[in-house]
Amino acid sequence: MEFLTETLGKRVHDPFMEESRCLFIHEPIIVGSGPSGLAVAACLKSRDMSSLILERSNCIASLWQLKTYDRLRLHLPKQFCELPLMPFPSCYPTYPTKQQFVEYLESYTEHFGLKPVFNQTVEEAKFDRQCGLWRVRTAGRKNEETSEYISRWLVVATGENAEEVIPDIDGIVSFGGPILHTSSYKSGEMFGKKKVLVVGCGNSGMEVCLDLCNFNAHPCLVVRDSVHILPQEMLGISTFGISTSLLKWFPVQVVDRFLLSMSRLVLGDTDRLGLIRPKLGPLERKIKCGKTPVLDVGTLAKIRSGHIKVYPELKRVIQHSAEFVDGSVDNFDAIILATGYKSNVPMWLKGMDMFFEKDGFPRQSFPNGWKGDRGLYAVGFTRLGLLGAAIDAKKIADDIVQQNKVSFSRPQHC
């Protein structure tokens, strides 16, 4: 492989790399071959610098390819979701489908000649103070082969959605019916005529409910917290696009008031449907709490028509039924957990506390959370989706290329 520029001789008896092959990499190591990792690698490649992309799955963008439902489309217009240096094909619709987005990523990977190393799970990465380098230990498929890679730079691109969040629900083991996370949900075909409890009212939970309706299932939605629901478009223009434009001229509170006024005009009073709006506006809440507003793609109409029933917070699960905090009880055939994802950085990155919080997100928020110390970078943690990742990818590549202009000699003792 081109990026494996040097083998560091014999195996050494070090707990971090015992029984490993040790490979020195002159280029940055990127952990994750999702859109964020690919974007950094492409920006580097455009500056004549290669990288080593380590991916635990067997394909690029494994979240999109393996863990998303069939009807998924980009919730934002394509111009806000394209990666650096390569736009979407002009023939794509405003909101590309899941398959179109995957095809775009595959074309992007081929165009820039990116070659991720698949089936390489990063078990541990740490900065070696003696060497002044990053040491990344990986396990191959079925842990049959362990490798260690050493580099001056480490780019964390595992993103916000690396691991499923499975809530601890009282009595759920006694339910007796199918229980699955949205990462395993493909379509409502297998739930036709069945009564399904969807736990979680984010974009995924709302859209899964809509999909279940389209397959003649009977979904019920658990709404635990307050939630902002905005129309996907206002007067034929993307709500996100309107927000982005207005924020250039007005404070976030002013833009929030405008969005809420327009949302009430377009969607009506969502409080009456059991979807209580938070006190903070949608954009201010996103900035301060990281809570993304829901963009409605038709689910509210199904709630109004009675095709989707809204329940308050879930109290406990009983055999084929559930009890809610208001005392109501109902029977269900299946439960779908639309409870989201979390970062897995704390599981493998050692000594991260100077840059990352305990939840695996950078301590500094966008636009300052992309760079740490000692050649450590983070991309895909902005809570701004693909747009934030594209912005940070360019910054990371520029910074690494600039550093690489300074002569670098590998320490002999590493």
Protein backbone atom coordinates (compact mmCIF):
# COMPACT_ATOMS: atom_id res chain seq x y z
CA MET A 1 0.00 0.00 0.00
CA GLU A 2 1.25 3.48 -0.92
CA PHE A 3 0.73 4.99 2.53
CA LEU A 4 2.68 2.30 4.37
CA THR A 5 5.96 4.03 3.86
CA GLU A 6 8.09 2.20 6.40
CA THR A 7 7.95 -0.85 8.64
CA LEU A 8 9.57 -0.35 11.99
CA GLY A 9 11.37 -3.65 12.20
CA LYS A 10 10.80 -6.20 14.93
CA ARG A 11 7.91 -6.43 17.34
CA VAL A 12 8.64 -4.93 20.71
CA HIS A 13 7.32 -5.87 24.11
CA ASP A 14 5.09 -2.93 24.80
CA PRO A 15 1.55 -3.44 26.26
CA PHE A 16 0.18 -0.98 23.73
CA MET A 17 1.57 -2.77 20.69
CA GLU A 18 2.37 -6.30 21.80
CA GLU A 19 1.72 -8.89 19.10
CA SER A 20 1.21 -6.08 16.58
CA ARG A 21 2.79 -5.09 13.33
CA CYS A 22 4.05 -1.53 13.69
CA LEU A 23 3.83 0.84 10.73
CA PHE A 24 5.08 4.42 10.54
CA ILE A 25 2.85 6.69 8.45
CA HIS A 26 4.17 9.96 7.03
CA GLU A 27 0.60 11.10 6.33
CA PRO A 28 -2.26 11.90 8.73
CA ILE A 29 -4.34 9.07 10.17
CA ILE A 30 -8.09 9.62 9.74
CA VAL A 31 -10.38 7.46 11.89
CA GLY A 32 -13.69 7.01 10.08
CA SER A 33 -14.68 6.91 6.40
CA GLY A 34 -18.01 8.69 6.70
CA PRO A 35 -18.61 11.98 4.87
CA SER A 36 -16.46 13.91 7.38
CA GLY A 37 -13.43 11.66 7.07
CA LEU A 38 -13.71 11.54 3.29
CA ALA A 39 -13.94 15.33 3.16
CA VAL A 40 -10.68 15.78 5.08
CA ALA A 41 -8.92 13.17 2.94
CA ALA A 42 -10.13 14.82 -0.27
CA CYS A 43 -9.00 18.28 0.87
CA LEU A 44 -5.59 16.85 1.70
CA LYS A 45 -5.40 15.04 -1.64
CA SER A 46 -6.17 18.27 -3.48
CA ARG A 47 -3.08 19.69 -1.77
CA ASP A 48 -0.96 16.70 -2.88
CA MET A 49 -0.98 15.05 0.51
CA SER A 50 -2.22 11.50 1.12
CA SER A 51 -3.79 10.09 4.26
CA LEU A 52 -4.54 6.76 5.90
CA ILE A 53 -8.27 6.26 6.48
CA LEU A 54 -9.14 3.56 9.02
CA GLU A 55 -12.71 2.25 8.92
CA ARG A 56 -14.21 -0.38 11.22
CA SER A 57 -16.93 -1.38 8.75
CA ASN A 58 -16.61 -2.92 5.29
CA CYS A 59 -17.73 0.15 3.35
CA ILE A 60 -17.64 3.93 3.34
CA ALA A 61 -20.45 5.84 5.06
CA SER A 62 -21.58 2.74 6.95
CA LEU A 63 -24.20 4.68 8.91
CA TRP A 64 -25.88 5.73 5.67
CA GLN A 65 -25.48 2.40 3.93
CA LEU A 66 -26.24 0.00 6.76
CA LYS A 67 -28.19 1.82 9.45
CA THR A 68 -30.75 4.08 7.80
CA TYR A 69 -34.30 3.47 6.64
CA ASP A 70 -35.22 3.17 2.98
CA ARG A 71 -37.35 6.29 2.61
CA LEU A 72 -34.66 8.62 4.01
CA ARG A 73 -33.81 11.75 2.08
CA LEU A 74 -31.50 14.60 2.99
CA HIS A 75 -33.54 16.95 5.16
CA LEU A 76 -31.64 19.99 3.87
CA PRO A 77 -31.24 21.11 0.25
CA LYS A 78 -28.29 19.54 -1.51
CA GLN A 79 -26.26 22.76 -1.70
CA PHE A 80 -25.95 22.67 2.10
CA CYS A 81 -24.87 19.02 2.13
CA GLU A 82 -22.20 18.75 -0.54
CA LEU A 83 -18.64 17.94 0.42
CA PRO A 84 -15.70 20.22 -0.45
CA LEU A 85 -14.44 20.45 -4.04
CA MET A 86 -17.25 18.42 -5.64
CA PRO A 87 -20.92 19.44 -5.95
CA PHE A 88 -23.84 17.06 -6.32
CA PRO A 89 -24.77 16.15 -9.89
CA SER A 90 -27.09 18.79 -11.35
CA CYS A 91 -29.66 16.09 -12.16
CA TYR A 92 -30.16 15.27 -8.46
CA PRO A 93 -33.35 16.61 -6.85
CA THR A 94 -33.26 19.33 -4.20
CA TYR A 95 -33.44 16.69 -1.47
CA PRO A 96 -31.44 13.66 -2.68
CA THR A 97 -32.49 10.18 -1.63
CA LYS A 98 -30.40 7.96 0.59
CA GLN A 99 -29.22 5.95 -2.42
CA GLN A 100 -28.32 9.07 -4.37
CA PHE A 101 -26.29 10.39 -1.46
CA VAL A 102 -24.42 7.10 -1.13
CA GLU A 103 -23.71 7.13 -4.88
CA TYR A 104 -22.41 10.70 -4.53
CA LEU A 105 -20.06 9.62 -1.73
CA GLU A 106 -18.83 6.65 -3.77
CA SER A 107 -18.14 8.95 -6.74
CA TYR A 108 -16.41 11.38 -4.40
CA THR A 109 -14.17 8.62 -3.05
CA GLU A 110 -13.29 7.43 -6.55
CA HIS A 111 -12.73 10.93 -7.92
CA PHE A 112 -10.12 11.75 -5.28
CA GLY A 113 -8.56 8.29 -5.32
CA LEU A 114 -9.29 7.64 -1.66
CA LYS A 115 -8.62 4.11 -0.44
CA PRO A 116 -9.89 3.51 3.11
CA VAL A 117 -8.61 0.47 4.94
CA PHE A 118 -11.77 -1.41 5.89
CA ASN A 119 -12.46 -3.80 8.77
CA GLN A 120 -9.98 -1.95 10.99
CA THR A 121 -11.50 -1.16 14.37
CA VAL A 122 -9.50 1.38 16.35
CA GLU A 123 -9.20 -0.08 19.83
CA GLU A 124 -6.93 2.58 21.28
CA ALA A 125 -5.21 5.77 20.23
CA LYS A 126 -2.88 7.80 22.40
CA PHE A 127 -0.19 10.42 22.14
CA ASP A 128 3.29 9.13 22.95
CA ARG A 129 5.07 11.98 24.70
CA GLN A 130 8.46 10.34 24.29
CA CYS A 131 8.07 10.08 20.53
CA GLY A 132 5.93 13.16 20.07
CA LEU A 133 3.68 11.06 17.81
CA TRP A 134 0.25 9.43 17.78
CA ARG A 135 0.04 5.66 18.17
CA VAL A 136 -3.15 4.03 16.93
CA ARG A 137 -3.84 0.35 17.60
CA THR A 138 -6.40 -1.46 15.47
CA ALA A 139 -7.94 -4.91 15.33
CA GLY A 140 -8.83 -6.55 12.04
CA ARG A 141 -11.87 -8.63 11.27
CA LYS A 142 -12.67 -11.04 14.13
CA ASN A 143 -9.62 -9.60 15.94
CA GLU A 144 -7.39 -11.97 13.96
CA GLU A 145 -4.76 -9.31 13.26
CA THR A 146 -3.65 -6.37 15.36
CA SER A 147 -1.76 -3.45 13.86
CA GLU A 148 -0.26 -0.26 15.19
CA TYR A 149 0.05 2.87 13.11
CA ILE A 150 2.25 5.80 14.12
CA SER A 151 1.79 9.30 12.75
CA ARG A 152 2.32 12.95 13.51
CA TRP A 153 -1.38 13.72 13.01
CA LEU A 154 -4.64 12.10 14.14
CA VAL A 155 -8.00 13.18 12.72
CA VAL A 156 -11.03 11.97 14.69
CA ALA A 157 -13.82 11.57 12.13
CA THR A 158 -16.06 9.01 13.83
CA GLY A 159 -18.72 11.68 14.20
CA GLU A 160 -21.72 12.39 16.37
CA ASN A 161 -23.62 9.23 15.41
CA ALA A 162 -21.15 6.40 16.03
CA GLU A 163 -23.09 4.27 18.53
CA GLU A 164 -26.79 3.68 19.10
CA VAL A 165 -28.34 5.06 22.28
CA ILE A 166 -30.42 2.34 23.95
CA PRO A 167 -32.41 3.75 26.89
CA ASP A 168 -32.96 1.82 30.11
CA ILE A 169 -36.74 1.36 30.09
CA ASP A 170 -38.36 -0.31 33.06
CA GLY A 171 -39.80 -3.72 32.18
CA ILE A 172 -38.76 -3.72 28.53
CA VAL A 173 -37.33 -7.26 28.76
CA SER A 174 -40.83 -8.53 29.50
CA PHE A 175 -42.46 -6.94 26.45
CA GLY A 176 -42.58 -10.15 24.41
CA GLY A 177 -42.70 -8.54 20.97
CA PRO A 178 -40.16 -7.14 18.50
CA ILE A 179 -37.98 -4.30 19.84
CA LEU A 180 -35.54 -2.58 17.51
CA HIS A 181 -33.53 0.61 17.22
CA THR A 182 -34.06 2.77 14.14
CA SER A 183 -30.59 1.69 13.03
CA SER A 184 -32.17 -1.70 12.26
CA TYR A 185 -35.41 -0.32 10.77
CA LYS A 186 -35.67 -0.37 6.98
CA SER A 187 -39.36 0.11 6.21
CA GLY A 188 -42.81 -0.39 7.67
CA GLU A 189 -43.51 -3.36 5.41
CA MET A 190 -43.19 -5.94 8.20
CA PHE A 191 -45.45 -3.90 10.50
CA GLY A 192 -48.55 -3.68 8.33
CA LYS A 193 -51.79 -3.59 10.42
CA LYS A 194 -49.71 -3.74 13.63
CA LYS A 195 -49.73 -1.22 16.45
CA VAL A 196 -46.21 0.14 16.89
CA LEU A 197 -44.85 2.32 19.69
CA VAL A 198 -42.13 4.70 18.46
CA VAL A 199 -40.03 6.05 21.33
CA GLY A 200 -38.45 9.40 20.42
CA CYS A 201 -39.74 12.43 18.56
CA GLY A 202 -36.69 13.66 16.67
CA ASN A 203 -36.46 13.70 12.89
CA SER A 204 -36.02 9.91 12.74
CA GLY A 205 -38.93 9.14 15.08
CA MET A 206 -41.28 11.46 13.22
CA GLU A 207 -40.29 10.08 9.82
CA VAL A 208 -40.50 6.44 10.93
CA CYS A 209 -44.06 7.13 12.11
CA LEU A 210 -44.89 8.54 8.69
CA ASP A 211 -43.34 5.52 6.98
CA LEU A 212 -45.34 3.14 9.19
CA CYS A 213 -48.54 4.94 8.18
CA ASN A 214 -47.66 4.46 4.53
CA PHE A 215 -47.56 0.69 5.17
CA ASN A 216 -50.94 0.71 6.95
CA ALA A 217 -49.46 0.25 10.40
CA HIS A 218 -50.79 2.07 13.46
CA PRO A 219 -47.92 4.08 14.99
CA CYS A 220 -47.98 5.83 18.35
CA LEU A 221 -45.31 8.42 19.17
CA VAL A 222 -43.76 8.92 22.61
CA VAL A 223 -42.92 12.59 23.17
CA ARG A 224 -40.84 12.85 26.32
CA ASP A 225 -39.48 16.39 26.00
CA SER A 226 -40.56 19.64 24.43
CA VAL A 227 -39.72 19.88 20.74
CA HIS A 228 -39.58 22.49 17.99
CA ILE A 229 -41.17 21.43 14.73
CA LEU A 230 -40.57 23.63 11.71
CA PRO A 231 -41.81 23.28 8.13
CA GLN A 232 -39.15 21.94 5.80
CA GLU A 233 -39.89 24.86 3.48
CA MET A 234 -41.53 28.26 3.83
CA LEU A 235 -43.08 29.77 0.71
CA GLY A 236 -41.19 27.24 -1.39
CA ILE A 237 -37.83 28.13 0.14
CA SER A 238 -35.81 25.90 2.49
CA THR A 239 -36.33 26.89 6.13
CA PHE A 240 -32.66 26.18 6.76
CA GLY A 241 -31.68 28.43 3.86
CA ILE A 242 -33.89 31.23 5.15
CA SER A 243 -32.39 30.87 8.63
CA THR A 244 -28.83 30.96 7.30
CA SER A 245 -29.52 34.12 5.29
CA LEU A 246 -31.30 35.94 8.11
CA LEU A 247 -28.56 35.14 10.63
CA LYS A 248 -26.16 37.22 8.55
CA TRP A 249 -28.21 40.32 9.34
CA PHE A 250 -30.16 39.71 12.54
CA PRO A 251 -29.55 38.32 16.06
CA VAL A 252 -30.55 34.70 16.63
CA GLN A 253 -33.47 35.69 18.87
CA VAL A 254 -34.96 37.85 16.12
CA VAL A 255 -34.61 35.04 13.57
CA ASP A 256 -36.20 32.60 16.03
CA ARG A 257 -39.23 34.85 16.45
CA PHE A 258 -39.64 35.00 12.69
CA LEU A 259 -39.32 31.21 12.33
CA LEU A 260 -41.87 30.56 15.07
CA SER A 261 -44.35 33.03 13.59
CA MET A 262 -44.06 31.45 10.16
CA SER A 263 -44.23 27.94 11.62
CA ARG A 264 -47.46 28.75 13.43
CA LEU A 265 -48.86 30.14 10.19
CA VAL A 266 -47.85 27.07 8.16
CA LEU A 267 -48.21 24.27 10.72
CA GLY A 268 -50.64 25.68 13.27
CA ASP A 269 -50.37 25.33 17.04
CA THR A 270 -48.37 22.15 17.69
CA ASP A 271 -49.00 22.39 21.46
CA ARG A 272 -52.56 21.23 20.82
CA LEU A 273 -51.18 18.02 19.32
CA GLY A 274 -49.09 17.18 22.41
CA LEU A 275 -45.93 18.60 20.84
CA ILE A 276 -45.03 21.37 23.29
CA ARG A 277 -42.50 23.93 22.12
CA PRO A 278 -39.50 24.76 24.35
CA LYS A 279 -39.09 28.23 25.83
CA LEU A 280 -35.85 28.78 23.92
CA GLY A 281 -36.25 29.40 20.21
CA PRO A 282 -35.22 26.66 17.74
CA LEU A 283 -31.88 28.19 16.70
CA GLU A 284 -30.91 29.41 20.16
CA ARG A 285 -31.73 26.00 21.61
CA LYS A 286 -29.64 24.34 18.92
CA ILE A 287 -26.67 26.57 19.74
CA LYS A 288 -26.93 26.27 23.53
CA CYS A 289 -28.19 22.69 23.97
CA GLY A 290 -27.37 20.93 20.71
CA LYS A 291 -31.05 20.05 20.21
CA THR A 292 -31.96 19.97 16.54
CA PRO A 293 -35.44 21.15 15.54
CA VAL A 294 -37.58 18.69 13.61
CA LEU A 295 -38.28 19.51 9.97
CA ASP A 296 -41.76 18.28 9.14
CA VAL A 297 -42.07 16.17 5.98
CA GLY A 298 -45.75 15.24 6.44
CA THR A 299 -45.94 13.66 9.89
CA LEU A 300 -47.95 16.48 11.48
CA ALA A 301 -50.79 15.95 9.02
CA LYS A 302 -50.97 12.30 10.07
CA ILE A 303 -51.05 13.32 13.74
CA ARG A 304 -53.89 15.75 13.08
CA SER A 305 -55.85 13.13 11.16
CA GLY A 306 -55.49 10.63 14.00
CA HIS A 307 -53.35 8.18 12.06
CA ILE A 308 -50.53 8.79 14.55
CA LYS A 309 -51.35 9.01 18.26
CA VAL A 310 -49.11 11.04 20.58
CA TYR A 311 -48.29 9.81 24.09
CA PRO A 312 -46.37 11.50 26.90
CA GLU A 313 -43.23 10.08 28.52
CA LEU A 314 -43.03 6.32 28.82
CA LYS A 315 -43.16 5.05 32.42
CA ARG A 316 -42.71 1.32 31.97
CA VAL A 317 -43.30 -1.56 29.60
CA ILE A 318 -45.50 -4.53 30.44
CA GLN A 319 -46.11 -7.66 28.38
CA HIS A 320 -47.29 -6.41 24.98
CA SER A 321 -48.31 -3.07 26.48
CA ALA A 322 -46.90 0.18 27.86
CA GLU A 323 -47.80 2.54 30.68
CA PHE A 324 -47.22 6.28 30.40
CA VAL A 325 -46.59 8.98 33.01
CA ASP A 326 -50.17 10.26 32.73
CA GLY A 327 -51.43 6.83 33.87
CA SER A 328 -52.69 5.68 30.48
CA VAL A 329 -51.99 2.13 29.28
CA ASP A 330 -52.15 0.78 25.74
CA ASN A 331 -51.34 -2.45 23.92
CA PHE A 332 -48.64 -2.69 21.25
CA ASP A 333 -47.27 -5.30 18.86
CA ALA A 334 -43.76 -3.81 18.51
CA ILE A 335 -41.50 -1.08 19.85
CA ILE A 336 -39.10 1.03 17.75
CA LEU A 337 -36.47 3.04 19.60
CA ALA A 338 -35.84 6.32 17.80
CA THR A 339 -33.49 7.33 20.58
CA GLY A 340 -30.58 8.51 18.49
CA TYR A 341 -26.84 8.02 18.60
CA LYS A 342 -23.78 9.15 20.53
CA SER A 343 -20.07 9.68 20.00
CA ASN A 344 -17.79 6.71 20.70
CA VAL A 345 -14.61 8.78 21.13
CA PRO A 346 -14.37 8.07 24.91
CA MET A 347 -14.19 4.35 24.11
CA TRP A 348 -10.87 4.51 22.25
CA LEU A 349 -9.14 7.90 22.47
CA LYS A 350 -6.93 8.06 25.55
CA GLY A 351 -5.98 11.31 27.27
CA MET A 352 -8.73 13.07 25.38
CA ASP A 353 -9.95 15.21 28.25
CA MET A 354 -7.86 18.23 27.25
CA PHE A 355 -9.83 18.49 23.98
CA PHE A 356 -12.98 16.38 24.26
CA GLU A 357 -15.74 16.43 26.86
CA LYS A 358 -16.92 13.22 28.54
CA ASP A 359 -19.69 12.90 25.95
CA GLY A 360 -17.10 12.67 23.18
CA PHE A 361 -17.66 16.15 21.74
CA PRO A 362 -14.98 18.85 21.51
CA ARG A 363 -14.88 21.20 24.49
CA GLN A 364 -15.09 24.22 22.22
CA SER A 365 -18.14 24.63 20.03
CA PHE A 366 -18.20 25.50 16.34
CA PRO A 367 -16.27 27.19 14.77
CA ASN A 368 -13.43 26.52 17.23
CA GLY A 369 -13.76 22.80 17.93
CA TRP A 370 -11.76 21.42 15.01
CA LYS A 371 -8.21 21.63 16.38
CA GLY A 372 -6.62 20.26 19.53
CA ASP A 373 -3.01 20.03 20.64
CA ARG A 374 -0.16 17.84 19.37
CA GLY A 375 -1.64 17.21 15.91
CA LEU A 376 -5.12 16.16 17.09
CA TYR A 377 -8.16 17.22 15.04
CA ALA A 378 -11.91 16.60 15.10
CA VAL A 379 -14.35 16.74 12.19
CA GLY A 380 -18.07 15.98 12.13
CA PHE A 381 -18.82 17.14 15.69
CA THR A 382 -20.25 20.59 14.97
CA ARG A 383 -23.94 19.65 15.38
CA LEU A 384 -24.38 21.46 12.07
CA GLY A 385 -24.46 18.37 9.88
CA LEU A 386 -22.57 18.10 6.62
CA LEU A 387 -22.20 21.86 6.27
CA GLY A 388 -20.18 22.11 9.48
CA ALA A 389 -18.10 19.06 8.53
CA ALA A 390 -17.19 20.58 5.15
CA ILE A 391 -16.06 23.83 6.78
CA ASP A 392 -13.89 22.06 9.35
CA ALA A 393 -12.44 19.64 6.79
CA LYS A 394 -10.95 22.53 4.83
CA LYS A 395 -9.46 24.07 7.97
CA ILE A 396 -7.91 20.77 9.06
CA ALA A 397 -6.36 20.08 5.68
CA ASP A 398 -4.94 23.61 5.44
CA ASP A 399 -3.43 23.35 8.92
CA ILE A 400 -1.82 19.95 8.32
CA VAL A 401 -0.39 20.98 4.95
CA GLN A 402 1.05 24.11 6.51
CA GLN A 403 2.69 22.07 9.27
CA ASN A 404 4.04 19.60 6.75
CA LYS A 405 6.03 22.36 5.08
CA VAL A 406 8.23 22.41 8.16
CA SER A 407 10.90 19.74 7.93
CA PHE A 408 10.05 16.66 10.01
CA SER A 409 12.47 13.98 11.12
CA ARG A 410 11.18 10.84 12.77
CA PRO A 411 12.71 10.27 16.26
CA GLN A 412 14.98 7.26 16.20
CA HIS A 413 13.75 5.89 19.55
CA CYS A 414 10.07 5.51 18.60
